[in-house]
Every structure is written in structure tokens, then in C-alpha cells.
Amino acid sequence: MVAAMAVHDISVPLRRDMPTYADEPGPNLEFRKLLSKGDSANVSVLSLGSHTGTHVDAPSHFLDGAPGVDSLSLDALVGPAYVAEFGGDSHITAAELESMPIPADCERVLFKTSNGRFWDDSAFHTDFIALAPDAARALAERGIRLVGIDYLSIERFHADPHEVHETLLASAVVILEGIDLRRVAAGSYFLVCAPLNVVGAEGAPARAYLIDRTP
């Protein structure tokens, strides 16, 4: 008997009025040809910032001369993952990580926080929950290969320096930002994260799924 399988799309839909980080250009869909105007097909042009909506950060985002999106390991982007729920209202610290039931052999962790409520609002919120620098160091030391968060940055708004990004990216940790975990319970899943393979880019939009194989 084949086990039941549920697939959760944790990507946020790309829409014109979606929230974007600071000055990040949002998506713009322009139709160059339309059947309704007598053209032979509907043809559109999509433009957007590389960190719009659900996206990944490559090392070159904050590390000069580092690899781009096209060099990310598929092994890091696809595999078992754990959704860790955080009920606090401050940034996630290393001590709070220790209190979460993240499996010892976990290589991919996605943080579900109260940030999810912001996805229904077209305005960008600066008071989102992110990782504290000591949490980033702890995750890197644990050998985490991918870390995700349910809003547009893994790091607090206007951080200076960018310790969280730099720590994770220097340790070859893929950063997945802008996921929507509101309909996903904490626990173990199989992650499929597919960023656009844009040569030389420091980040790219992605489609991300969580597969639940629980009987």
C-alpha cells in the first residue's frame, strides 16, 4: 500500500501589491501580446527583484567574490527538513534554539513565527521576528545546510553589521526567506526548494514545497 502524502506549497504568490523588503522592486507582469487584441498568443514579461517573495540568498549576497545562486548545492535545497515553531515576540536566540525539539541530525530547519500574519498585508512590516547573531552561529556550528524564515529576511531590519547573513553564508548555509508556514504544523517534512538558476545572481525567487509522508 502506498503511504498517504500531502504536499504543502510554502511559497507566497507573486502579486503586484505584495509586501517587499524596503526598496526591493515588486513583481510587474506586462502583457506584450493578447489574444483578445488579435495576437496569435498571450505573451507576458515578468520583472521583479531577486529577493521578492519566497527566495534564496546565495553567499555572494553579502560576501564579495563568493558563489552565486547557480552554484548552490541541490543536496542542500532538497531533503528532510524540520519546521520549528517559535511562540515568542523577540528575535530567536541560541538559548531559544536549545529549547526547541529540533532533531539532532537535522540539516534543514524552517522557523514558523508570528510573522505569518504579515502576509495578508501589502505593506512591509519592519518589526518581524528574525534570528539573533548567536542563533546563526549555533546553527552554523550544528552543520545546518539550509535555514528558512517566514518573512522577508532572516535578520532583523536594518542590522549593521549583517552578522546573521554573513555567519550563515560564510558557512555555506542556504538562506530561504519569505516562506508561508501558516498552514503547516511543526514537525518533520521533506523539503523541495527550487530557486531560479540565474547565473551570477546573489539571490533568486524560489518555489518551495513541504511533503508530509505521515501515515
C-alpha atoms as a PDB file:
ATOM      1  CA  MET A   1       0.000   0.000   0.000  1.00  0.00           C
ATOM      2  CA  VAL A   2       1.301   3.464  -0.929  1.00  0.00           C
ATOM      3  CA  ALA A   3       1.532   5.789   2.079  1.00  0.00           C
ATOM      4  CA  ALA A   4      -0.613   8.938   2.021  1.00  0.00           C
ATOM      5  CA  MET A   5       1.308  12.052   1.043  1.00  0.00           C
ATOM      6  CA  ALA A   6       0.349  15.696   1.499  1.00  0.00           C
ATOM      7  CA  VAL A   7       2.189  18.431  -0.375  1.00  0.00           C
ATOM      8  CA  HIS A   8       2.241  21.931   1.131  1.00  0.00           C
ATOM      9  CA  ASP A   9       3.180  24.878  -1.060  1.00  0.00           C
ATOM     10  CA  ILE A  10       5.000  27.258   1.301  1.00  0.00           C
ATOM     11  CA  SER A  11       5.729  29.840  -1.394  1.00  0.00           C
ATOM     12  CA  VAL A  12       3.948  33.191  -1.324  1.00  0.00           C
ATOM     13  CA  PRO A  13       2.065  34.112  -4.510  1.00  0.00           C
ATOM     14  CA  LEU A  14       3.712  36.815  -6.600  1.00  0.00           C
ATOM     15  CA  ARG A  15       1.276  39.697  -6.944  1.00  0.00           C
ATOM     16  CA  ARG A  16       1.559  43.374  -7.755  1.00  0.00           C
ATOM     17  CA  ASP A  17       0.556  44.605  -4.273  1.00  0.00           C
ATOM     18  CA  MET A  18       2.621  42.152  -2.210  1.00  0.00           C
ATOM     19  CA  PRO A  19       4.944  43.348   0.570  1.00  0.00           C
ATOM     20  CA  THR A  20       8.580  43.770  -0.442  1.00  0.00           C
ATOM     21  CA  TYR A  21      11.674  44.466   1.643  1.00  0.00           C
ATOM     22  CA  ALA A  22      12.469  48.195   1.819  1.00  0.00           C
ATOM     23  CA  ASP A  23      13.233  49.337  -1.753  1.00  0.00           C
ATOM     24  CA  GLU A  24      13.062  45.883  -3.358  1.00  0.00           C
ATOM     25  CA  PRO A  25      11.077  46.176  -6.601  1.00  0.00           C
ATOM     26  CA  GLY A  26       7.951  44.050  -6.537  1.00  0.00           C
ATOM     27  CA  PRO A  27       6.631  41.915  -9.375  1.00  0.00           C
ATOM     28  CA  ASN A  28       5.336  43.531 -12.528  1.00  0.00           C
ATOM     29  CA  LEU A  29       3.538  41.448 -15.139  1.00  0.00           C
ATOM     30  CA  GLU A  30       3.136  43.173 -18.502  1.00  0.00           C
ATOM     31  CA  PHE A  31       1.346  41.546 -21.419  1.00  0.00           C
ATOM     32  CA  ARG A  32       3.078  42.280 -24.721  1.00  0.00           C
ATOM     33  CA  LYS A  33       0.660  40.177 -26.790  1.00  0.00           C
ATOM     34  CA  LEU A  34      -3.003  39.343 -26.149  1.00  0.00           C
ATOM     35  CA  LEU A  35      -5.389  37.003 -27.886  1.00  0.00           C
ATOM     36  CA  SER A  36      -8.141  39.499 -27.122  1.00  0.00           C
ATOM     37  CA  LYS A  37      -6.313  42.042 -29.290  1.00  0.00           C
ATOM     38  CA  GLY A  38      -5.902  39.704 -32.218  1.00  0.00           C
ATOM     39  CA  ASP A  39      -2.421  38.402 -31.410  1.00  0.00           C
ATOM     40  CA  SER A  40      -1.562  34.744 -32.019  1.00  0.00           C
ATOM     41  CA  ALA A  41      -0.924  34.070 -28.300  1.00  0.00           C
ATOM     42  CA  ASN A  42      -0.862  35.639 -24.846  1.00  0.00           C
ATOM     43  CA  VAL A  43       2.757  36.642 -24.083  1.00  0.00           C
ATOM     44  CA  SER A  44       3.881  38.485 -20.971  1.00  0.00           C
ATOM     45  CA  VAL A  45       7.062  39.903 -19.478  1.00  0.00           C
ATOM     46  CA  LEU A  46       7.703  39.433 -15.764  1.00  0.00           C
ATOM     47  CA  SER A  47      10.116  41.658 -13.852  1.00  0.00           C
ATOM     48  CA  LEU A  48      10.892  41.597 -10.130  1.00  0.00           C
ATOM     49  CA  GLY A  49      13.677  41.972  -7.625  1.00  0.00           C
ATOM     50  CA  SER A  50      15.733  38.872  -6.921  1.00  0.00           C
ATOM     51  CA  HIS A  51      14.693  38.968  -3.231  1.00  0.00           C
ATOM     52  CA  THR A  52      10.957  39.302  -3.855  1.00  0.00           C
ATOM     53  CA  GLY A  53       8.585  36.955  -2.073  1.00  0.00           C
ATOM     54  CA  THR A  54       9.890  33.441  -1.463  1.00  0.00           C
ATOM     55  CA  HIS A  55      13.568  33.449  -2.397  1.00  0.00           C
ATOM     56  CA  VAL A  56      17.012  32.149  -1.537  1.00  0.00           C
ATOM     57  CA  ASP A  57      20.184  34.054  -0.679  1.00  0.00           C
ATOM     58  CA  ALA A  58      23.476  32.862  -2.126  1.00  0.00           C
ATOM     59  CA  PRO A  59      26.872  33.555  -0.495  1.00  0.00           C
ATOM     60  CA  SER A  60      27.566  36.421  -2.920  1.00  0.00           C
ATOM     61  CA  HIS A  61      24.652  38.372  -1.402  1.00  0.00           C
ATOM     62  CA  PHE A  62      26.921  39.537   1.445  1.00  0.00           C
ATOM     63  CA  LEU A  63      30.341  38.022   0.706  1.00  0.00           C
ATOM     64  CA  ASP A  64      32.335  39.685  -2.059  1.00  0.00           C
ATOM     65  CA  GLY A  65      33.590  37.238  -4.662  1.00  0.00           C
ATOM     66  CA  ALA A  66      31.584  34.327  -3.213  1.00  0.00           C
ATOM     67  CA  PRO A  67      29.482  31.914  -5.339  1.00  0.00           C
ATOM     68  CA  GLY A  68      26.074  32.875  -6.698  1.00  0.00           C
ATOM     69  CA  VAL A  69      22.751  31.085  -6.939  1.00  0.00           C
ATOM     70  CA  ASP A  70      23.895  28.906  -9.829  1.00  0.00           C
ATOM     71  CA  SER A  71      26.489  27.299  -7.531  1.00  0.00           C
ATOM     72  CA  LEU A  72      24.086  26.286  -4.738  1.00  0.00           C
ATOM     73  CA  SER A  73      24.102  22.596  -3.911  1.00  0.00           C
ATOM     74  CA  LEU A  74      20.958  20.696  -4.858  1.00  0.00           C
ATOM     75  CA  ASP A  75      21.672  18.425  -1.890  1.00  0.00           C
ATOM     76  CA  ALA A  76      21.105  21.399   0.422  1.00  0.00           C
ATOM     77  CA  LEU A  77      17.916  22.500  -1.330  1.00  0.00           C
ATOM     78  CA  VAL A  78      16.191  19.108  -1.295  1.00  0.00           C
ATOM     79  CA  GLY A  79      15.871  16.735   1.650  1.00  0.00           C
ATOM     80  CA  PRO A  80      14.416  16.181   5.127  1.00  0.00           C
ATOM     81  CA  ALA A  81      13.516  19.371   6.985  1.00  0.00           C
ATOM     82  CA  TYR A  82      12.089  20.335  10.347  1.00  0.00           C
ATOM     83  CA  VAL A  83       9.554  23.115  10.938  1.00  0.00           C
ATOM     84  CA  ALA A  84      10.321  24.661  14.339  1.00  0.00           C
ATOM     85  CA  GLU A  85       7.588  26.806  15.847  1.00  0.00           C
ATOM     86  CA  PHE A  86       8.608  29.837  17.903  1.00  0.00           C
ATOM     87  CA  GLY A  87       5.958  31.486  20.040  1.00  0.00           C
ATOM     88  CA  GLY A  88       7.999  34.429  21.320  1.00  0.00           C
ATOM     89  CA  ASP A  89       7.843  38.041  20.202  1.00  0.00           C
ATOM     90  CA  SER A  90      11.591  38.785  20.115  1.00  0.00           C
ATOM     91  CA  HIS A  91      14.362  37.595  17.838  1.00  0.00           C
ATOM     92  CA  ILE A  92      15.297  33.928  18.143  1.00  0.00           C
ATOM     93  CA  THR A  93      18.425  33.421  20.267  1.00  0.00           C
ATOM     94  CA  ALA A  94      20.759  30.441  20.664  1.00  0.00           C
ATOM     95  CA  ALA A  95      19.203  29.687  24.060  1.00  0.00           C
ATOM     96  CA  GLU A  96      15.752  29.544  22.492  1.00  0.00           C
ATOM     97  CA  LEU A  97      17.072  27.214  19.800  1.00  0.00           C
ATOM     98  CA  GLU A  98      18.163  24.825  22.528  1.00  0.00           C
ATOM     99  CA  SER A  99      14.619  24.696  23.882  1.00  0.00           C
ATOM    100  CA  MET A 100      13.148  23.689  20.513  1.00  0.00           C
ATOM    101  CA  PRO A 101      12.736  19.993  19.670  1.00  0.00           C
ATOM    102  CA  ILE A 102      14.900  20.235  16.558  1.00  0.00           C
ATOM    103  CA  PRO A 103      16.269  16.740  15.779  1.00  0.00           C
ATOM    104  CA  ALA A 104      19.984  16.307  16.419  1.00  0.00           C
ATOM    105  CA  ASP A 105      20.575  15.144  12.840  1.00  0.00           C
ATOM    106  CA  CYS A 106      18.527  17.959  11.274  1.00  0.00           C
ATOM    107  CA  GLU A 107      20.173  19.625   8.257  1.00  0.00           C
ATOM    108  CA  ARG A 108      17.323  21.919   7.188  1.00  0.00           C
ATOM    109  CA  VAL A 109      15.250  23.960   9.611  1.00  0.00           C
ATOM    110  CA  LEU A 110      12.375  26.341   8.883  1.00  0.00           C
ATOM    111  CA  PHE A 111      11.188  28.761  11.548  1.00  0.00           C
ATOM    112  CA  LYS A 112       7.469  29.339  11.954  1.00  0.00           C
ATOM    113  CA  THR A 113       6.752  32.530  13.900  1.00  0.00           C
ATOM    114  CA  SER A 114       4.059  35.148  14.270  1.00  0.00           C
ATOM    115  CA  ASN A 115       5.448  36.753  11.096  1.00  0.00           C
ATOM    116  CA  GLY A 116       2.872  34.817   9.095  1.00  0.00           C
ATOM    117  CA  ARG A 117       0.195  37.384   9.897  1.00  0.00           C
ATOM    118  CA  PHE A 118       2.054  39.949   7.788  1.00  0.00           C
ATOM    119  CA  TRP A 119       1.447  38.103   4.509  1.00  0.00           C
ATOM    120  CA  ASP A 120      -2.155  39.365   4.365  1.00  0.00           C
ATOM    121  CA  ASP A 121      -0.912  42.968   4.363  1.00  0.00           C
ATOM    122  CA  SER A 122       0.546  44.663   1.284  1.00  0.00           C
ATOM    123  CA  ALA A 123       2.623  46.987   3.489  1.00  0.00           C
ATOM    124  CA  PHE A 124       6.127  45.960   4.555  1.00  0.00           C
ATOM    125  CA  HIS A 125       6.488  45.468   8.322  1.00  0.00           C
ATOM    126  CA  THR A 126       9.822  46.202   9.995  1.00  0.00           C
ATOM    127  CA  ASP A 127       9.004  44.535  13.323  1.00  0.00           C
ATOM    128  CA  PHE A 128       9.296  40.978  12.011  1.00  0.00           C
ATOM    129  CA  ILE A 129      10.960  38.215  14.022  1.00  0.00           C
ATOM    130  CA  ALA A 130      14.385  37.089  12.817  1.00  0.00           C
ATOM    131  CA  LEU A 131      17.441  35.232  14.086  1.00  0.00           C
ATOM    132  CA  ALA A 132      19.796  36.778  16.625  1.00  0.00           C
ATOM    133  CA  PRO A 133      23.510  36.571  15.739  1.00  0.00           C
ATOM    134  CA  ASP A 134      24.214  33.906  18.370  1.00  0.00           C
ATOM    135  CA  ALA A 135      21.457  31.718  16.902  1.00  0.00           C
ATOM    136  CA  ALA A 136      23.071  31.989  13.456  1.00  0.00           C
ATOM    137  CA  ARG A 137      26.399  30.900  14.933  1.00  0.00           C
ATOM    138  CA  ALA A 138      24.749  27.994  16.737  1.00  0.00           C
ATOM    139  CA  LEU A 139      23.045  26.794  13.556  1.00  0.00           C
ATOM    140  CA  ALA A 140      26.287  27.006  11.579  1.00  0.00           C
ATOM    141  CA  GLU A 141      28.116  25.048  14.280  1.00  0.00           C
ATOM    142  CA  ARG A 142      25.404  22.355  14.162  1.00  0.00           C
ATOM    143  CA  GLY A 143      26.062  21.799  10.478  1.00  0.00           C
ATOM    144  CA  ILE A 144      22.701  23.095   9.287  1.00  0.00           C
ATOM    145  CA  ARG A 145      22.689  23.295   5.479  1.00  0.00           C
ATOM    146  CA  LEU A 146      19.537  25.374   4.945  1.00  0.00           C
ATOM    147  CA  VAL A 147      17.611  27.704   7.226  1.00  0.00           C
ATOM    148  CA  GLY A 148      14.299  29.358   6.430  1.00  0.00           C
ATOM    149  CA  ILE A 149      12.123  32.052   7.968  1.00  0.00           C
ATOM    150  CA  ASP A 150       8.518  33.105   7.394  1.00  0.00           C
ATOM    151  CA  TYR A 151       9.139  36.700   6.355  1.00  0.00           C
ATOM    152  CA  LEU A 152      11.417  38.642   4.054  1.00  0.00           C
ATOM    153  CA  SER A 153      14.678  38.481   5.991  1.00  0.00           C
ATOM    154  CA  ILE A 154      16.467  36.049   8.289  1.00  0.00           C
ATOM    155  CA  GLU A 155      17.998  39.088  10.008  1.00  0.00           C
ATOM    156  CA  ARG A 156      16.436  41.964  11.918  1.00  0.00           C
ATOM    157  CA  PHE A 157      15.525  45.096   9.977  1.00  0.00           C
ATOM    158  CA  HIS A 158      18.451  47.450   9.298  1.00  0.00           C
ATOM    159  CA  ALA A 159      21.016  45.256  11.037  1.00  0.00           C
ATOM    160  CA  ASP A 160      24.517  46.737  10.887  1.00  0.00           C
ATOM    161  CA  PRO A 161      26.718  44.782  10.506  1.00  0.00           C
ATOM    162  CA  HIS A 162      24.873  41.887   8.886  1.00  0.00           C
ATOM    163  CA  GLU A 163      26.178  39.246  11.271  1.00  0.00           C
ATOM    164  CA  VAL A 164      23.403  36.716  10.712  1.00  0.00           C
ATOM    165  CA  HIS A 165      23.666  36.693   6.924  1.00  0.00           C
ATOM    166  CA  GLU A 166      27.451  36.744   6.953  1.00  0.00           C
ATOM    167  CA  THR A 167      27.723  33.941   9.503  1.00  0.00           C
ATOM    168  CA  LEU A 168      25.323  31.634   7.679  1.00  0.00           C
ATOM    169  CA  LEU A 169      26.546  32.356   4.164  1.00  0.00           C
ATOM    170  CA  ALA A 170      30.217  32.014   5.142  1.00  0.00           C
ATOM    171  CA  SER A 171      29.341  28.539   6.437  1.00  0.00           C
ATOM    172  CA  ALA A 172      27.666  27.626   3.115  1.00  0.00           C
ATOM    173  CA  VAL A 173      24.194  27.640   4.692  1.00  0.00           C
ATOM    174  CA  VAL A 174      21.467  28.337   2.147  1.00  0.00           C
ATOM    175  CA  ILE A 175      19.082  31.032   3.384  1.00  0.00           C
ATOM    176  CA  LEU A 176      15.427  30.612   2.391  1.00  0.00           C
ATOM    177  CA  GLU A 177      13.365  33.716   3.094  1.00  0.00           C
ATOM    178  CA  GLY A 178       9.755  34.684   2.537  1.00  0.00           C
ATOM    179  CA  ILE A 179       8.059  31.343   3.142  1.00  0.00           C
ATOM    180  CA  ASP A 180       4.483  30.956   4.381  1.00  0.00           C
ATOM    181  CA  LEU A 181       4.094  28.345   7.122  1.00  0.00           C
ATOM    182  CA  ARG A 182       0.693  29.354   8.469  1.00  0.00           C
ATOM    183  CA  ARG A 183      -0.974  26.148   7.264  1.00  0.00           C
ATOM    184  CA  VAL A 184       1.896  23.872   8.243  1.00  0.00           C
ATOM    185  CA  ALA A 185       2.229  22.299  11.674  1.00  0.00           C
ATOM    186  CA  ALA A 186       5.580  21.992  13.427  1.00  0.00           C
ATOM    187  CA  GLY A 187       7.338  18.730  12.702  1.00  0.00           C
ATOM    188  CA  SER A 188       9.319  16.761  10.140  1.00  0.00           C
ATOM    189  CA  TYR A 189       8.812  17.035   6.373  1.00  0.00           C
ATOM    190  CA  PHE A 190      10.639  16.591   3.091  1.00  0.00           C
ATOM    191  CA  LEU A 191      11.631  19.932   1.549  1.00  0.00           C
ATOM    192  CA  VAL A 192      11.846  20.690  -2.153  1.00  0.00           C
ATOM    193  CA  CYS A 193      13.204  24.186  -2.774  1.00  0.00           C
ATOM    194  CA  ALA A 194      13.721  25.225  -6.399  1.00  0.00           C
ATOM    195  CA  PRO A 195      15.236  28.674  -6.920  1.00  0.00           C
ATOM    196  CA  LEU A 196      15.604  30.006 -10.455  1.00  0.00           C
ATOM    197  CA  ASN A 197      19.039  29.051 -11.768  1.00  0.00           C
ATOM    198  CA  VAL A 198      20.181  32.586 -12.601  1.00  0.00           C
ATOM    199  CA  VAL A 199      23.864  32.628 -13.477  1.00  0.00           C
ATOM    200  CA  GLY A 200      25.809  35.076 -11.325  1.00  0.00           C
ATOM    201  CA  ALA A 201      22.836  36.219  -9.239  1.00  0.00           C
ATOM    202  CA  GLU A 202      23.187  36.776  -5.480  1.00  0.00           C
ATOM    203  CA  GLY A 203      19.616  35.643  -4.871  1.00  0.00           C
ATOM    204  CA  ALA A 204      16.646  34.267  -6.755  1.00  0.00           C
ATOM    205  CA  PRO A 205      12.905  33.710  -6.395  1.00  0.00           C
ATOM    206  CA  ALA A 206      12.023  30.128  -5.486  1.00  0.00           C
ATOM    207  CA  ARG A 207       9.128  27.726  -5.331  1.00  0.00           C
ATOM    208  CA  ALA A 208       9.213  25.684  -2.155  1.00  0.00           C
ATOM    209  CA  TYR A 209       7.205  22.652  -1.075  1.00  0.00           C
ATOM    210  CA  LEU A 210       6.982  20.591   2.086  1.00  0.00           C
ATOM    211  CA  ILE A 211       5.978  16.978   1.630  1.00  0.00           C
ATOM    212  CA  ASP A 212       4.336  15.256   4.585  1.00  0.00           C
ATOM    213  CA  ARG A 213       4.658  11.487   4.452  1.00  0.00           C
ATOM    214  CA  THR A 214       2.992  10.889   7.811  1.00  0.00           C
ATOM    215  CA  PRO A 215       0.635   7.898   7.559  1.00  0.00           C
END
